Amino acid sequence: LVAMLADTETRTRAVVAVAIKRMGKATLGALLNGLFSTDSNVRERCASLVTQMAPNEARVEAALKASGVKLDEPDDAMLAVRTPPPSDFNPRLAPAMG
């Protein structure tokens, strides 16, 4: 999914960003790796997502600093997903998981 953040279609990027956020913190590893992508668009969009999802985590702060990514102007698709990620546990899903 992280690679799809480079898609030329804003709608695709927004859908991917929403999917990533809905998966929650389980996606942080992939997003942090995306900060070092050869594609500057992926780097910037990963930075935008990790700062929304886990802004105060030490590993996020360290990866952002190491990557040197600057968030000058957020991508329109990333602005469309400024909703909070789900909590790590959703009790409504518990019966379906058991």
N, C-alpha and C. Protein backbone atom coordinates (compact mmCIF):
# COMPACT_ATOMS: atom_id res chain seq x y z
N LEU A 1 0.81 -1.21 0.00
CA LEU A 1 0.00 0.00 0.00
C LEU A 1 0.85 1.27 0.00
N VAL A 2 1.96 1.23 0.70
CA VAL A 2 2.79 2.44 0.79
C VAL A 2 3.22 2.90 -0.60
N ALA A 3 3.57 1.97 -1.46
CA ALA A 3 3.99 2.34 -2.82
C ALA A 3 2.86 3.04 -3.58
N MET A 4 1.62 2.70 -3.25
CA MET A 4 0.47 3.31 -3.93
C MET A 4 0.29 4.77 -3.55
N LEU A 5 1.00 5.24 -2.52
CA LEU A 5 0.93 6.66 -2.17
C LEU A 5 1.55 7.53 -3.25
N ALA A 6 2.24 6.93 -4.19
CA ALA A 6 2.84 7.67 -5.31
C ALA A 6 1.90 7.75 -6.51
N ASP A 7 0.73 7.17 -6.43
CA ASP A 7 -0.20 7.17 -7.55
C ASP A 7 -0.50 8.59 -8.00
N THR A 8 -0.69 8.78 -9.28
CA THR A 8 -0.96 10.11 -9.82
C THR A 8 -2.37 10.59 -9.51
N GLU A 9 -3.28 9.67 -9.22
CA GLU A 9 -4.67 10.04 -8.93
C GLU A 9 -4.85 10.40 -7.45
N THR A 10 -5.33 11.59 -7.19
CA THR A 10 -5.56 12.03 -5.83
C THR A 10 -6.53 11.10 -5.11
N ARG A 11 -7.56 10.66 -5.78
CA ARG A 11 -8.56 9.78 -5.17
C ARG A 11 -7.93 8.47 -4.72
N THR A 12 -7.07 7.89 -5.55
CA THR A 12 -6.40 6.65 -5.17
C THR A 12 -5.54 6.87 -3.94
N ARG A 13 -4.78 7.95 -3.92
CA ARG A 13 -3.93 8.24 -2.76
C ARG A 13 -4.76 8.42 -1.50
N ALA A 14 -5.92 9.07 -1.62
CA ALA A 14 -6.79 9.27 -0.46
C ALA A 14 -7.34 7.95 0.05
N VAL A 15 -7.76 7.08 -0.85
CA VAL A 15 -8.29 5.77 -0.45
C VAL A 15 -7.20 4.96 0.23
N VAL A 16 -6.00 4.98 -0.32
CA VAL A 16 -4.88 4.25 0.27
C VAL A 16 -4.56 4.81 1.66
N ALA A 17 -4.54 6.12 1.78
CA ALA A 17 -4.24 6.74 3.07
C ALA A 17 -5.28 6.37 4.12
N VAL A 18 -6.55 6.36 3.73
CA VAL A 18 -7.60 5.95 4.66
C VAL A 18 -7.41 4.50 5.07
N ALA A 19 -7.10 3.64 4.12
CA ALA A 19 -6.88 2.22 4.44
C ALA A 19 -5.71 2.06 5.41
N ILE A 20 -4.64 2.78 5.18
CA ILE A 20 -3.48 2.71 6.07
C ILE A 20 -3.85 3.18 7.46
N LYS A 21 -4.58 4.28 7.55
CA LYS A 21 -4.97 4.79 8.87
C LYS A 21 -5.92 3.84 9.58
N ARG A 22 -6.80 3.19 8.84
CA ARG A 22 -7.72 2.24 9.47
C ARG A 22 -7.00 1.02 10.00
N MET A 23 -5.90 0.65 9.37
CA MET A 23 -5.11 -0.47 9.87
C MET A 23 -4.34 -0.07 11.13
N GLY A 24 -4.20 1.21 11.35
CA GLY A 24 -3.62 1.70 12.59
C GLY A 24 -2.12 1.57 12.68
N LYS A 25 -1.67 1.47 13.92
CA LYS A 25 -0.23 1.48 14.20
C LYS A 25 0.51 0.27 13.64
N ALA A 26 -0.20 -0.74 13.22
CA ALA A 26 0.45 -1.89 12.59
C ALA A 26 1.15 -1.48 11.29
N THR A 27 0.77 -0.36 10.73
CA THR A 27 1.35 0.10 9.47
C THR A 27 2.56 1.02 9.68
N LEU A 28 2.85 1.38 10.92
CA LEU A 28 3.93 2.34 11.16
C LEU A 28 5.28 1.88 10.62
N GLY A 29 5.60 0.61 10.75
CA GLY A 29 6.87 0.10 10.24
C GLY A 29 7.01 0.35 8.75
N ALA A 30 5.97 0.04 8.00
CA ALA A 30 6.00 0.26 6.55
C ALA A 30 6.07 1.74 6.21
N LEU A 31 5.35 2.56 6.97
CA LEU A 31 5.39 4.01 6.73
C LEU A 31 6.76 4.58 7.06
N LEU A 32 7.36 4.10 8.14
CA LEU A 32 8.70 4.59 8.49
C LEU A 32 9.72 4.19 7.43
N ASN A 33 9.58 2.98 6.89
CA ASN A 33 10.45 2.58 5.77
C ASN A 33 10.21 3.48 4.56
N GLY A 34 8.95 3.87 4.36
CA GLY A 34 8.60 4.74 3.24
C GLY A 34 9.24 6.11 3.32
N LEU A 35 9.66 6.51 4.51
CA LEU A 35 10.35 7.80 4.67
C LEU A 35 11.69 7.81 3.94
N PHE A 36 12.20 6.62 3.61
CA PHE A 36 13.49 6.51 2.94
C PHE A 36 13.35 6.02 1.50
N SER A 37 12.14 6.12 0.97
CA SER A 37 11.87 5.72 -0.41
C SER A 37 12.67 6.59 -1.38
N THR A 38 12.93 6.06 -2.55
CA THR A 38 13.59 6.85 -3.59
C THR A 38 12.62 7.85 -4.22
N ASP A 39 11.32 7.66 -3.99
CA ASP A 39 10.29 8.54 -4.53
C ASP A 39 9.96 9.63 -3.50
N SER A 40 10.21 10.86 -3.84
CA SER A 40 9.98 11.96 -2.90
C SER A 40 8.51 12.09 -2.51
N ASN A 41 7.61 11.76 -3.42
CA ASN A 41 6.18 11.82 -3.10
C ASN A 41 5.83 10.81 -2.01
N VAL A 42 6.36 9.61 -2.12
CA VAL A 42 6.11 8.59 -1.10
C VAL A 42 6.68 9.05 0.23
N ARG A 43 7.89 9.57 0.22
CA ARG A 43 8.51 10.05 1.47
C ARG A 43 7.64 11.10 2.16
N GLU A 44 7.19 12.09 1.39
CA GLU A 44 6.40 13.17 1.96
C GLU A 44 5.04 12.68 2.46
N ARG A 45 4.42 11.79 1.72
CA ARG A 45 3.10 11.29 2.12
C ARG A 45 3.21 10.37 3.33
N CYS A 46 4.27 9.60 3.41
CA CYS A 46 4.50 8.77 4.60
C CYS A 46 4.73 9.66 5.81
N ALA A 47 5.49 10.72 5.62
CA ALA A 47 5.74 11.65 6.72
C ALA A 47 4.44 12.28 7.21
N SER A 48 3.59 12.65 6.28
CA SER A 48 2.30 13.24 6.64
C SER A 48 1.47 12.25 7.46
N LEU A 49 1.43 11.01 7.02
CA LEU A 49 0.64 10.01 7.72
C LEU A 49 1.20 9.68 9.10
N VAL A 50 2.51 9.49 9.21
CA VAL A 50 3.05 9.13 10.52
C VAL A 50 2.91 10.27 11.51
N THR A 51 2.98 11.51 11.04
CA THR A 51 2.81 12.63 11.97
C THR A 51 1.35 12.75 12.42
N GLN A 52 0.42 12.26 11.63
CA GLN A 52 -0.98 12.25 12.04
C GLN A 52 -1.26 11.07 12.97
N MET A 53 -0.66 9.93 12.69
CA MET A 53 -0.98 8.69 13.41
C MET A 53 -0.23 8.54 14.72
N ALA A 54 1.00 8.96 14.79
CA ALA A 54 1.82 8.75 15.99
C ALA A 54 2.83 9.88 16.15
N PRO A 55 2.35 11.11 16.30
CA PRO A 55 3.26 12.25 16.31
C PRO A 55 4.25 12.29 17.46
N ASN A 56 3.93 11.63 18.56
CA ASN A 56 4.78 11.73 19.74
C ASN A 56 5.63 10.49 20.00
N GLU A 57 5.60 9.54 19.09
CA GLU A 57 6.40 8.33 19.29
C GLU A 57 7.86 8.62 18.95
N ALA A 58 8.75 8.16 19.81
CA ALA A 58 10.18 8.41 19.65
C ALA A 58 10.70 7.87 18.32
N ARG A 59 10.24 6.68 17.92
CA ARG A 59 10.75 6.11 16.67
C ARG A 59 10.30 6.92 15.46
N VAL A 60 9.12 7.53 15.56
CA VAL A 60 8.63 8.39 14.47
C VAL A 60 9.49 9.65 14.38
N GLU A 61 9.71 10.27 15.51
CA GLU A 61 10.53 11.48 15.54
C GLU A 61 11.94 11.20 15.04
N ALA A 62 12.51 10.08 15.45
CA ALA A 62 13.87 9.72 15.02
C ALA A 62 13.93 9.46 13.52
N ALA A 63 12.94 8.74 13.00
CA ALA A 63 12.92 8.43 11.56
C ALA A 63 12.71 9.68 10.73
N LEU A 64 11.84 10.57 11.18
CA LEU A 64 11.63 11.83 10.46
C LEU A 64 12.91 12.65 10.40
N LYS A 65 13.60 12.71 11.53
CA LYS A 65 14.85 13.46 11.58
C LYS A 65 15.90 12.82 10.67
N ALA A 66 16.02 11.50 10.73
CA ALA A 66 17.01 10.78 9.92
C ALA A 66 16.72 10.88 8.43
N SER A 67 15.43 10.90 8.08
CA SER A 67 15.06 10.95 6.65
C SER A 67 15.24 12.33 6.05
N GLY A 68 15.15 13.36 6.89
CA GLY A 68 15.27 14.72 6.40
C GLY A 68 14.06 15.20 5.62
N VAL A 69 12.95 14.48 5.70
CA VAL A 69 11.74 14.87 4.97
C VAL A 69 11.18 16.15 5.57
N LYS A 70 10.88 17.09 4.71
CA LYS A 70 10.28 18.36 5.11
C LYS A 70 8.84 18.39 4.63
N LEU A 71 7.92 18.70 5.51
CA LEU A 71 6.51 18.77 5.16
C LEU A 71 6.13 20.22 4.88
N ASP A 72 6.43 20.68 3.68
CA ASP A 72 6.13 22.06 3.31
C ASP A 72 4.64 22.25 3.07
N GLU A 73 4.12 21.55 2.08
CA GLU A 73 2.71 21.63 1.74
C GLU A 73 2.16 20.22 1.65
N PRO A 74 1.21 19.87 2.53
CA PRO A 74 0.66 18.52 2.48
C PRO A 74 -0.09 18.26 1.18
N ASP A 75 -0.04 17.03 0.75
CA ASP A 75 -0.77 16.57 -0.43
C ASP A 75 -2.28 16.66 -0.15
N ASP A 76 -3.06 17.05 -1.15
CA ASP A 76 -4.52 17.15 -0.98
C ASP A 76 -5.13 15.85 -0.47
N ALA A 77 -4.63 14.73 -0.97
CA ALA A 77 -5.16 13.43 -0.55
C ALA A 77 -4.89 13.18 0.92
N MET A 78 -3.76 13.64 1.42
CA MET A 78 -3.44 13.43 2.83
C MET A 78 -4.30 14.33 3.72
N LEU A 79 -4.67 15.50 3.22
CA LEU A 79 -5.55 16.39 3.98
C LEU A 79 -6.94 15.80 4.11
N ALA A 80 -7.33 15.00 3.14
CA ALA A 80 -8.66 14.39 3.15
C ALA A 80 -8.78 13.31 4.22
N VAL A 81 -7.67 12.91 4.80
CA VAL A 81 -7.72 11.81 5.77
C VAL A 81 -7.29 12.26 7.16
N ARG A 82 -7.62 13.45 7.53
CA ARG A 82 -7.25 13.95 8.85
C ARG A 82 -8.24 13.47 9.92
N THR A 83 -8.62 12.25 9.82
CA THR A 83 -9.46 11.64 10.84
C THR A 83 -8.57 10.79 11.73
N PRO A 84 -8.95 10.62 12.98
CA PRO A 84 -8.10 9.82 13.86
C PRO A 84 -8.10 8.36 13.45
N PRO A 85 -6.97 7.69 13.62
CA PRO A 85 -6.94 6.26 13.33
C PRO A 85 -7.77 5.52 14.36
N PRO A 86 -8.23 4.33 14.05
CA PRO A 86 -9.02 3.57 15.02
C PRO A 86 -8.17 3.18 16.22
N SER A 87 -8.84 2.88 17.31
CA SER A 87 -8.10 2.40 18.47
C SER A 87 -7.56 1.01 18.14
N ASP A 88 -6.58 0.57 18.90
CA ASP A 88 -5.97 -0.73 18.63
C ASP A 88 -6.94 -1.89 18.84
N PHE A 89 -7.97 -1.69 19.65
CA PHE A 89 -8.94 -2.75 19.90
C PHE A 89 -10.33 -2.20 19.73
N ASN A 90 -11.12 -2.86 18.92
CA ASN A 90 -12.50 -2.47 18.70
C ASN A 90 -13.39 -3.57 19.26
N PRO A 91 -14.06 -3.34 20.39
CA PRO A 91 -14.86 -4.39 21.00
C PRO A 91 -15.99 -4.90 20.11
N ARG A 92 -16.46 -4.08 19.16
CA ARG A 92 -17.52 -4.55 18.26
C ARG A 92 -17.04 -5.67 17.35
N LEU A 93 -15.72 -5.72 17.10
CA LEU A 93 -15.18 -6.76 16.23
C LEU A 93 -14.80 -8.03 16.98
N ALA A 94 -14.81 -7.99 18.30
CA ALA A 94 -14.39 -9.14 19.09
C ALA A 94 -15.16 -10.41 18.76
N PRO A 95 -16.52 -10.37 18.61
CA PRO A 95 -17.22 -11.61 18.29
C PRO A 95 -16.79 -12.21 16.94
N ALA A 96 -16.49 -11.35 15.98
CA ALA A 96 -16.09 -11.82 14.66
C ALA A 96 -14.69 -12.42 14.69
N MET A 97 -13.88 -12.01 15.64
CA MET A 97 -12.50 -12.50 15.73
C MET A 97 -12.42 -13.83 16.47
N GLY A 98 -13.41 -14.13 17.27
CA GLY A 98 -13.35 -15.33 18.10
C GLY A 98 -13.94 -16.48 17.45
